[in-house]
Protein backbone atom coordinates (compact mmCIF):
# COMPACT_ATOMS: atom_id res chain seq x y z
CA MET A 1 52.14 132.63 144.67
CA LYS A 2 54.34 131.87 141.67
CA ILE A 3 54.19 128.28 140.47
CA LEU A 4 57.73 127.09 139.60
CA VAL A 5 56.69 123.91 137.79
CA LEU A 6 53.32 123.54 136.09
CA PRO A 7 51.44 120.22 136.47
CA SER A 8 51.61 119.69 132.69
CA GLU A 9 55.42 119.96 132.82
CA LEU A 10 55.52 117.46 135.64
CA ARG A 11 53.62 114.97 133.53
CA GLU A 12 55.91 115.59 130.55
CA ARG A 13 59.07 115.10 132.61
CA ALA A 14 57.83 112.13 134.59
CA GLY A 15 59.17 109.72 132.00
CA GLU A 16 62.57 111.40 131.96
CA TRP A 17 62.81 111.28 135.75
CA ALA A 18 61.73 107.63 135.74
CA VAL A 19 64.46 106.68 133.26
CA LEU A 20 67.10 108.68 135.16
CA SER A 21 66.04 107.14 138.47
CA ALA A 22 66.17 103.66 136.98
CA LEU A 23 69.69 104.30 135.63
CA VAL A 24 70.93 105.61 138.98
CA LEU A 25 69.31 102.75 140.88
CA GLY A 26 70.60 100.16 138.42
CA SER A 27 74.13 101.58 138.59
CA ALA A 28 74.05 101.51 142.39
CA ILE A 29 72.95 97.86 142.35
CA VAL A 30 75.69 96.92 139.85
CA VAL A 31 78.40 98.63 141.94
CA TYR A 32 77.03 97.16 145.20
CA HIS A 33 77.31 93.64 143.82
CA GLY A 34 80.92 94.16 142.74
CA TYR A 35 80.39 94.81 139.04
CA GLY A 36 81.71 98.35 138.93
CA GLN A 37 84.14 97.40 136.15
CA LEU A 38 81.23 96.23 134.00
CA LEU A 39 79.45 99.54 134.60
CA GLY A 40 82.55 101.47 133.57
CA VAL A 41 82.83 99.45 130.37
CA ALA A 42 79.15 100.09 129.60
CA LEU A 43 79.58 103.84 130.10
CA LEU A 44 82.70 103.89 127.92
CA GLY A 45 80.87 101.94 125.23
CA PHE A 46 78.02 104.45 125.37
CA CYS A 47 80.52 107.28 124.85
CA PHE A 48 81.98 105.47 121.81
CA LEU A 49 78.49 105.04 120.37
CA MET A 50 77.65 108.72 120.86
CA LEU A 51 80.94 109.69 119.21
CA GLY A 52 79.98 107.53 116.26
CA VAL A 53 76.74 109.43 115.90
CA VAL A 54 78.60 112.76 115.87
CA ASN A 55 81.67 111.78 113.78
CA ALA A 56 81.82 108.22 112.47
CA ARG A 57 85.35 108.41 111.03
CA LEU A 58 86.75 109.79 114.28
CA ALA A 59 84.93 107.03 116.18
CA ILE A 60 86.55 104.40 113.94
CA MET A 61 90.00 105.82 114.71
CA VAL A 62 89.25 105.94 118.45
CA LEU A 63 87.99 102.35 118.44
CA LEU A 64 91.11 101.14 116.63
CA THR A 65 93.37 103.07 119.01
CA TYR A 66 91.65 101.54 122.02
CA ALA A 67 91.89 98.07 120.44
CA PHE A 68 95.64 98.45 119.94
CA PHE A 69 96.20 99.49 123.57
CA ASP A 70 93.62 97.09 125.00
CA GLY A 71 96.22 94.58 126.16
CA ASP A 72 97.92 96.92 128.63
CA ILE A 73 94.63 98.49 129.68
CA ARG A 74 93.30 95.07 130.64
CA ARG A 75 96.54 94.02 132.33
CA PHE A 76 96.62 97.16 134.47
CA VAL A 77 92.95 97.03 135.46
CA ASN A 78 92.88 93.28 136.09
CA SER A 79 96.07 93.34 138.15
CA ILE A 80 94.07 95.51 140.56
CA TYR A 81 90.60 93.96 140.38
CA GLY A 82 91.51 90.37 139.54
CA TRP A 83 91.40 88.26 136.38
CA PRO A 84 87.81 87.55 135.35
CA ALA A 85 86.81 84.45 133.41
CA ILE A 86 85.20 86.70 130.77
CA ASP A 87 86.81 90.13 130.62
CA PRO A 88 84.27 92.90 129.89
CA LEU A 89 87.09 95.14 128.67
CA LEU A 90 87.67 92.64 125.88
CA LEU A 91 84.05 92.92 124.74
CA LEU A 92 84.03 96.70 124.35
CA VAL A 93 85.41 97.24 120.83
CA PRO A 94 83.85 94.12 119.25
CA VAL A 95 80.39 95.01 120.59
CA VAL A 96 80.51 98.71 119.66
CA GLY A 97 82.10 97.98 116.28
CA SER A 98 79.46 95.34 115.55
CA ILE A 99 76.67 97.78 116.36
CA PHE A 100 78.19 100.33 113.97
CA GLY A 101 78.79 97.74 111.28
CA LEU A 102 75.31 96.27 111.55
CA SER A 103 73.72 99.72 111.23
CA VAL A 104 75.70 100.29 108.01
CA LEU A 105 74.92 96.82 106.64
CA MET A 106 71.19 97.39 107.13
CA ARG A 107 71.33 100.66 105.13
CA ASP A 108 73.82 99.99 102.35
CA LYS A 109 73.34 98.04 99.15
CA VAL A 110 75.27 94.79 98.84
CA ASP A 111 76.04 95.42 95.19
CA THR A 112 79.56 94.11 94.52
CA PRO A 113 80.91 90.56 94.19
CA LEU A 114 83.22 91.02 97.18
CA SER A 115 80.48 92.38 99.44
CA ARG A 116 78.18 89.50 98.49
CA MET A 117 80.87 86.96 99.34
CA VAL A 118 81.58 88.60 102.71
CA LEU A 119 77.86 88.61 103.50
CA ALA A 120 77.60 84.93 102.50
CA LEU A 121 80.55 84.15 104.77
CA MET A 122 78.88 85.95 107.68
CA LEU A 123 75.59 84.11 107.13
CA LEU A 124 77.42 80.79 107.10
CA MET A 125 79.21 81.77 110.30
CA GLY A 126 75.85 82.55 111.87
CA LEU A 127 74.64 79.03 111.06
CA GLU A 128 77.84 77.45 112.39
CA ILE A 129 77.25 79.03 115.81
CA PHE A 130 74.78 76.17 116.39
CA ASN A 131 77.01 73.32 115.14
CA PRO A 132 76.98 70.68 117.93
CA LEU A 133 80.41 69.29 116.98
CA GLN A 134 82.20 72.26 118.54
CA GLY A 135 81.06 71.35 122.05
CA GLY A 136 78.02 73.47 122.76
CA LEU A 137 76.30 76.76 122.06
CA ARG A 138 78.66 78.71 124.34
CA VAL A 139 81.58 77.72 122.13
CA GLY A 140 79.70 78.90 119.04
CA LEU A 141 78.79 82.23 120.59
CA ALA A 142 82.39 82.76 121.68
CA GLY A 143 83.50 81.95 118.13
CA ALA A 144 81.10 84.60 116.84
CA PHE A 145 82.78 87.11 119.17
CA PHE A 146 86.16 86.32 117.58
CA TYR A 147 85.19 86.11 113.92
CA ILE A 148 82.19 88.33 113.20
CA PRO A 149 83.30 91.77 114.59
CA PRO A 150 86.26 92.06 112.16
CA LEU A 151 83.88 91.39 109.27
CA MET A 152 81.65 94.17 110.61
CA PHE A 153 84.57 96.52 110.10
CA PHE A 154 84.48 95.53 106.42
CA TRP A 155 81.13 97.30 106.17
CA LEU A 156 82.48 100.31 108.06
CA GLY A 157 85.39 100.57 105.64
CA ARG A 158 83.07 100.15 102.69
CA HIS A 159 80.78 102.96 103.88
CA TYR A 160 83.12 105.52 105.46
CA ALA A 161 86.63 104.98 104.05
CA THR A 162 88.04 107.04 101.21
CA SER A 163 91.57 107.04 99.82
CA ASP A 164 92.37 110.24 101.75
CA PHE A 165 90.96 108.81 104.97
CA ILE A 166 92.98 105.60 104.53
CA GLU A 167 96.21 107.54 104.01
CA ARG A 168 95.59 109.66 107.12
CA LEU A 169 94.66 106.58 109.13
CA LEU A 170 97.78 104.66 108.15
CA TYR A 171 100.33 107.48 108.29
CA GLN A 172 98.99 109.49 111.23
CA LEU A 173 97.64 106.72 113.47
CA VAL A 174 98.76 103.19 112.61
CA LEU A 175 102.41 103.92 111.75
CA PRO A 176 103.05 106.01 114.92
CA ILE A 177 101.41 103.28 117.04
CA ALA A 178 103.67 100.69 115.37
CA VAL A 179 106.77 102.74 116.20
CA LEU A 180 105.56 103.23 119.77
CA ALA A 181 104.96 99.48 120.02
CA ALA A 182 108.52 98.81 118.83
CA ILE A 183 109.89 101.13 121.51
CA ALA A 184 107.77 99.40 124.16
CA GLY A 185 109.03 96.04 122.88
CA TYR A 186 112.65 97.17 123.23
CA MET A 187 111.95 98.31 126.78
CA GLN A 188 110.52 94.90 127.67
CA THR A 189 113.39 93.04 126.00
CA PHE A 190 116.25 94.98 127.54
CA PHE A 191 114.81 96.42 130.78
CA GLY A 192 112.09 93.96 131.79
CA PHE A 193 108.37 94.16 132.42
CA THR A 194 106.16 96.39 134.55
CA PRO A 195 104.48 94.91 137.65
CA TRP A 196 101.11 94.53 135.88
CA GLU A 197 102.82 92.88 132.90
CA GLN A 198 104.61 90.47 135.22
CA ALA A 199 101.30 89.64 136.90
CA TRP A 200 99.80 88.84 133.50
CA ILE A 201 102.79 86.68 132.52
CA ARG A 202 102.33 84.63 135.69
CA HIS A 203 98.58 84.39 135.05
CA VAL A 204 98.95 82.97 131.50
CA ALA A 205 102.18 80.98 132.02
CA ALA A 206 100.43 77.61 132.03
CA SER A 207 98.27 78.23 128.95
CA TYR A 208 100.39 80.53 126.76
CA MET A 209 103.47 78.39 126.17
CA ALA A 210 104.56 80.25 122.99
CA LEU A 211 105.27 83.37 125.07
CA ASN A 212 108.44 81.71 126.39
CA VAL A 213 111.38 81.13 124.03
CA GLY A 214 114.40 79.43 125.57
CA GLY A 215 113.53 80.79 128.99
CA VAL A 216 113.08 84.34 127.66
CA ILE A 217 109.66 86.00 127.45
CA ARG A 218 108.84 87.37 124.01
CA PRO A 219 108.03 91.10 123.96
CA PHE A 220 104.37 91.97 123.51
CA ALA A 221 104.39 95.78 124.04
CA PHE A 222 100.85 96.92 124.93
CA PHE A 223 99.08 94.16 122.96
CA THR A 224 97.13 91.17 124.18
CA SER A 225 99.80 88.76 122.88
CA SER A 226 103.21 88.63 121.23
CA ALA A 227 101.46 87.66 117.97
CA GLY A 228 99.45 90.90 118.04
CA TYR A 229 102.68 92.82 118.66
CA GLY A 230 104.31 91.13 115.67
CA MET A 231 101.30 91.96 113.50
CA ILE A 232 101.47 95.71 114.16
CA LEU A 233 105.22 95.67 113.44
CA SER A 234 104.51 93.91 110.13
CA ILE A 235 101.78 96.41 109.28
CA GLY A 236 103.97 99.38 110.21
CA SER A 237 106.90 98.01 108.22
CA ALA A 238 104.69 97.47 105.16
CA ILE A 239 103.45 101.07 105.41
CA ALA A 240 107.04 102.30 105.62
CA VAL A 241 108.17 100.20 102.65
CA ALA A 242 105.21 101.46 100.61
CA GLY A 243 106.24 104.98 101.61
CA ILE A 244 109.65 104.43 100.00
CA TRP A 245 108.10 103.67 96.60
CA LEU A 246 105.44 106.37 96.94
CA GLY A 247 107.85 109.18 97.73
CA HIS A 248 107.19 109.45 101.48
CA ARG A 249 110.85 109.31 102.39
CA ARG A 250 110.28 110.22 106.04
CA ALA A 251 108.24 107.06 106.46
CA ALA A 252 111.34 105.04 105.52
CA PHE A 253 113.10 106.19 108.69
CA THR A 254 110.53 104.32 110.77
CA LEU A 255 112.04 101.09 109.46
CA LEU A 256 115.03 101.74 111.74
CA PRO A 257 113.09 100.86 114.92
CA LEU A 258 110.51 98.58 113.25
CA LEU A 259 112.67 96.01 111.45
CA PRO A 260 114.96 95.06 114.39
CA ALA A 261 111.91 94.85 116.64
CA LEU A 262 110.16 92.58 114.13
CA PHE A 263 113.26 90.41 113.99
CA MET A 264 113.35 90.10 117.78
CA THR A 265 109.77 88.86 117.96
CA SER A 266 111.41 85.52 117.09
CA GLU A 267 108.67 84.77 114.55
CA ARG A 268 109.91 83.78 111.11
CA ALA A 269 106.71 83.99 109.03
CA PRO A 270 106.35 87.81 109.38
CA ILE A 271 109.88 88.30 108.01
CA VAL A 272 109.17 86.15 104.95
CA LYS A 273 105.79 87.78 104.29
CA LEU A 274 107.27 91.27 104.60
CA LEU A 275 109.95 90.35 102.03
CA VAL A 276 107.21 89.14 99.67
CA ALA A 277 105.20 92.33 100.23
CA GLY A 278 108.24 94.49 99.54
CA LEU A 279 109.06 92.60 96.35
CA VAL A 280 105.50 92.83 95.00
CA MET A 281 105.22 96.54 95.79
CA TRP A 282 108.56 97.20 94.13
CA ALA A 283 107.62 95.13 91.08
CA LEU A 284 104.27 96.86 90.64
CA HIS A 285 105.76 100.31 91.14
CA ARG A 286 108.36 99.73 88.43
CA GLY A 287 107.24 99.98 84.80
CA GLY A 288 103.63 100.95 85.53
CA GLY A 289 102.82 97.50 86.89
CA LYS A 290 103.43 95.69 83.59
CA GLY A 291 105.36 92.42 83.83
CA TRP A 292 105.38 92.70 87.61
CA TYR A 293 105.17 88.93 88.14
CA MET A 294 108.47 88.41 86.29
CA ARG A 295 110.18 91.03 88.44
CA VAL A 296 108.77 89.37 91.58
CA THR A 297 110.14 86.00 90.46
CA LEU A 298 113.63 87.30 89.70
CA GLY A 299 113.72 89.42 92.84
CA GLY A 300 112.53 86.49 94.94
CA LEU A 301 115.23 84.19 93.59
CA ALA A 302 117.87 86.84 94.27
CA THR A 303 116.56 87.35 97.83
CA ILE A 304 116.56 83.61 98.54
CA GLY A 305 120.12 83.32 97.29
CA LEU A 306 121.25 86.23 99.44
CA LEU A 307 119.59 84.82 102.55
CA ALA A 308 121.01 81.35 101.91
CA PHE A 309 124.48 82.88 101.84
CA ALA A 310 124.11 85.36 104.73
CA LEU A 311 122.08 83.53 107.37
CA PRO A 312 124.60 80.75 108.15
CA HIS A 313 127.20 83.42 108.81
CA LEU A 314 124.80 85.29 111.08
CA MET A 315 124.19 82.12 113.09
CA SER A 316 127.87 81.70 113.85
CA SER A 317 128.90 85.34 114.22
CA HIS A 318 126.06 87.40 115.74
CA PRO A 319 127.06 88.92 119.10
CA ASP A 320 125.47 88.12 122.43
CA PHE A 321 122.70 90.63 123.15
CA GLY A 322 121.88 89.29 126.59
CA GLN A 323 118.15 88.74 127.02
CA ALA A 324 117.61 89.15 123.28
CA ASN A 325 120.13 86.44 122.36
CA ALA A 326 117.68 83.53 122.68
CA LEU A 327 115.14 85.37 120.53
CA LEU A 328 117.70 86.17 117.82
CA THR A 329 119.11 82.65 117.83
CA HIS A 330 115.64 81.17 117.46
CA GLU A 331 114.83 83.58 114.61
CA VAL A 332 118.02 83.14 112.60
CA GLY A 333 118.08 79.37 113.10
CA GLY A 334 114.58 78.93 111.72
CA LEU A 335 115.21 81.17 108.70
CA ALA A 336 118.51 79.46 107.89
CA ASN A 337 117.14 75.91 108.23
CA PRO A 338 113.43 76.04 107.35
CA LEU A 339 113.20 72.27 106.69
CA ASN A 340 115.07 71.21 109.82
CA ALA A 341 112.60 70.22 112.54
CA LYS A 342 115.11 71.15 115.25
CA ASP A 343 115.31 74.76 114.11
CA SER A 344 112.02 75.40 112.34
CA THR A 345 108.34 74.63 112.79
CA LEU A 346 107.56 75.16 109.10
CA MET A 347 106.73 71.52 108.40
CA ILE A 348 104.52 71.34 111.49
CA HIS A 349 102.57 74.39 110.33
CA LEU A 350 102.20 72.99 106.83
CA GLU A 351 100.93 69.72 108.26
CA MET A 352 98.41 71.58 110.43
CA LEU A 353 97.23 73.56 107.41
CA GLY A 354 96.89 70.45 105.27
CA ASN A 355 94.93 68.64 107.97
CA GLY A 356 92.67 71.67 108.37
CA VAL A 357 91.85 71.88 104.67
CA LEU A 358 91.26 68.12 104.57
CA ALA A 359 88.91 68.40 107.57
CA GLY A 360 86.72 70.73 105.51
CA PHE A 361 86.03 67.87 103.09
CA THR A 362 85.88 64.97 105.56
CA HIS A 363 83.44 67.01 107.68
CA PRO A 364 81.69 69.11 105.01
CA TYR A 365 79.43 70.84 107.54
CA GLY A 366 82.44 71.96 109.58
CA TYR A 367 83.17 71.65 113.28
CA GLY A 368 81.51 74.92 114.26
CA LEU A 369 82.52 78.55 114.45
CA GLY A 370 84.21 78.28 117.84
CA ALA A 371 86.14 75.07 117.16
CA THR A 372 89.27 76.94 116.01
CA THR A 373 89.29 79.43 118.91
CA ALA A 374 90.44 79.35 122.52
CA ALA A 375 86.77 79.11 123.49
CA ALA A 376 86.73 75.43 122.48
CA GLY A 377 89.18 74.41 125.18
CA LYS A 378 87.63 76.79 127.70
CA PHE A 379 83.96 75.86 127.34
CA ALA A 380 83.88 72.49 125.57
CA GLY A 381 86.45 70.51 127.50
CA GLU A 382 88.28 67.59 125.94
CA GLY A 383 88.12 66.66 122.26
CA ILE A 384 87.84 70.05 120.61
CA GLU A 385 90.89 71.89 121.87
CA GLY A 386 93.76 72.29 119.43
CA MET A 387 91.83 72.40 116.12
CA SER A 388 93.29 75.76 115.04
CA THR A 389 95.54 75.58 111.97
CA GLU A 390 97.10 78.97 112.87
CA THR A 391 96.06 80.28 109.43
CA ASP A 392 92.80 82.05 108.67
CA PHE A 393 91.78 80.11 105.55
CA GLY A 394 92.75 76.81 107.18
CA ASN A 395 90.55 77.66 110.14
CA MET A 396 87.66 78.49 107.83
CA PHE A 397 87.82 74.98 106.35
CA VAL A 398 87.75 73.48 109.86
CA SER A 399 85.03 75.73 111.29
CA LEU A 400 82.77 76.19 108.25
CA GLY A 401 83.46 73.14 106.10
CA PHE A 402 84.67 73.16 102.52
CA VAL A 403 82.01 75.67 101.38
CA GLY A 404 83.15 78.29 103.90
CA GLY A 405 86.81 77.55 103.21
CA ILE A 406 86.36 77.98 99.46
CA ILE A 407 84.37 81.20 99.92
CA TYR A 408 87.17 82.58 102.06
CA LEU A 409 89.84 81.60 99.52
CA VAL A 410 87.84 83.27 96.74
CA ILE A 411 87.62 86.42 98.89
CA ILE A 412 91.40 86.42 99.27
CA VAL A 413 91.97 86.01 95.53
CA ARG A 414 89.35 88.65 94.73
CA VAL A 415 90.91 91.19 97.10
CA PHE A 416 94.42 90.78 95.68
CA TRP A 417 93.18 90.80 92.08
CA THR A 418 91.17 93.96 92.73
CA LEU A 419 94.09 95.75 94.34
CA ILE A 420 96.58 94.83 91.61
CA SER A 421 94.14 95.76 88.84
CA ASP A 422 93.27 99.05 90.54
CA TRP A 423 96.94 99.98 90.93
CA GLN A 424 97.63 99.25 87.27
CA LEU A 425 94.62 101.36 86.29
CA ARG A 426 94.91 104.37 88.60
CA ARG A 427 98.19 104.05 90.56
CA GLN A 428 96.44 105.29 93.66
CA ARG A 429 98.72 105.52 96.70
CA ALA A 430 96.21 104.00 99.13
CA THR A 431 95.88 100.95 96.88
CA LEU A 432 99.59 100.09 97.01
CA MET A 433 99.68 100.64 100.79
CA ILE A 434 96.70 98.35 101.38
CA LEU A 435 98.19 95.70 99.08
CA GLY A 436 101.49 95.76 100.97
CA ILE A 437 99.77 95.49 104.36
CA LEU A 438 97.57 92.57 103.27
CA LEU A 439 100.56 90.73 101.80
CA ALA A 440 102.62 91.30 104.94
CA THR A 441 99.80 89.87 107.08
CA GLY A 442 98.70 87.12 104.69
CA ALA A 443 96.99 84.07 106.23
CA SER A 444 96.36 86.14 109.39
CA TRP A 445 93.52 88.42 108.32
CA LEU A 446 91.01 86.61 110.51
CA ILE A 447 92.88 84.85 113.31
CA ALA A 448 90.96 84.46 116.57
CA GLY A 449 92.81 85.99 119.51
CA LEU A 450 94.60 88.84 117.70
CA TYR A 451 91.68 91.19 118.55
CA SER A 452 93.04 94.45 117.10
CA SER A 453 94.78 93.89 113.75
CA PRO A 454 91.90 91.97 112.05
CA LEU A 455 89.66 94.99 112.67
CA LEU A 456 92.07 97.22 110.76
CA LEU A 457 92.66 94.68 107.99
CA TRP A 458 88.97 94.18 107.24
CA LEU A 459 88.41 97.93 107.38
CA LEU A 460 91.05 98.18 104.63
CA ILE A 461 89.42 95.38 102.65
CA GLY A 462 86.10 97.20 102.89
CA ALA A 463 87.79 100.41 101.75
CA THR A 464 89.21 98.52 98.77
CA ASP A 465 85.72 97.43 97.77
CA ALA A 466 84.40 100.97 98.15
CA MET A 467 87.17 102.67 96.18
CA THR A 468 86.99 100.25 93.28
CA ARG A 469 83.18 100.30 93.26
CA LYS A 470 83.15 104.09 92.96
CA GLN A 471 85.71 103.91 90.17
CA GLU A 472 83.63 101.37 88.25
CA LYS A 473 80.55 103.64 88.44
CA THR A 474 82.36 106.72 87.12
């Protein structure tokens, strides 16, 4: 009689069958107890990890794509299965990205000033997880979820990004997603929201007050918030403006849908930062980068004069666009009267920033990593909620104390200095694009709750460190 399976083979495969049986049994138990969504997230995360093993750069692009669309994915799934207190879909990209980033950090040399400062910032964040002032360990762990994964993408950018990869990423992935987001925002503004978007609006109505402007819901496209939607429009617009100076004329046409959409987010800061980014890119592009600061100054004064003349006329003469009218009125009013408390929140934001920086010195050990996140109000109760300054470096002073705040400010200065110096030296296209994006998103590189854009921004910062490090060694 022919033996189909030899006893030795049975012994060799016993372990494999045991693991497979355990996985099947564990999956059945998870589904039986109503955690099928968690199982699906785990399986998807495993697929992302396997993709990273096969093609790391493709995995990075897939992770970023998922992060950009995560808002609508979660809204659709949760409108069916309910709104969990802790959404496993929200954990997917931060967990997988952190695993990738940690594997790179453990292999690579930390051999540049910027990489050493980022590592020091991460170590300080790790200590601040245990700060009792934030309201408990759960708040600190939640803060780590918001702040540490984007920094992990710094190491991914440092290891895998090249100038060619950055150009492909920005032109072939990020810019098309920004245009698609603008189209989705127009649909929401003029035609309303889908059933799952309406369910989400009702779910967050009590806690997300900034979503409502004059009785009109801000557009948010497929992002987790209107702020995330505004960030991708700013990033896309900066890419398009850089394309004008770099000879990519087709990229300029994307400004046609992006700029009006950015204006109708009813957020004034992105408009101002995009103007600054455009001026700096123009000034650096002209004359080989020499004397760029003088051109920025003159261009800035001319822009301010033009806006001071034009905006009052826009306030009195812009037509009624129906649902968009409240958003446009709010936007134009704030830009035309930045110091008027009735029309602008500029002074409130400056006061919040000043109080945040001061808190870093009055409480030199900081309030804890989670104190400036939504986790403080969710897990700590009264007393901690509302400590966010709505700027990244202000939040670092609050969460990490003056040492962490200063480290973060030095990182910002170092990044901009490196980019400007590299452009003047090599005039590399990716350098000018990254500079424009970081200027257009200034003070928002590491804001808790944006989820997607900080991952991209710190990937670009890591790429900056890698490209300049390679240049210095050649």
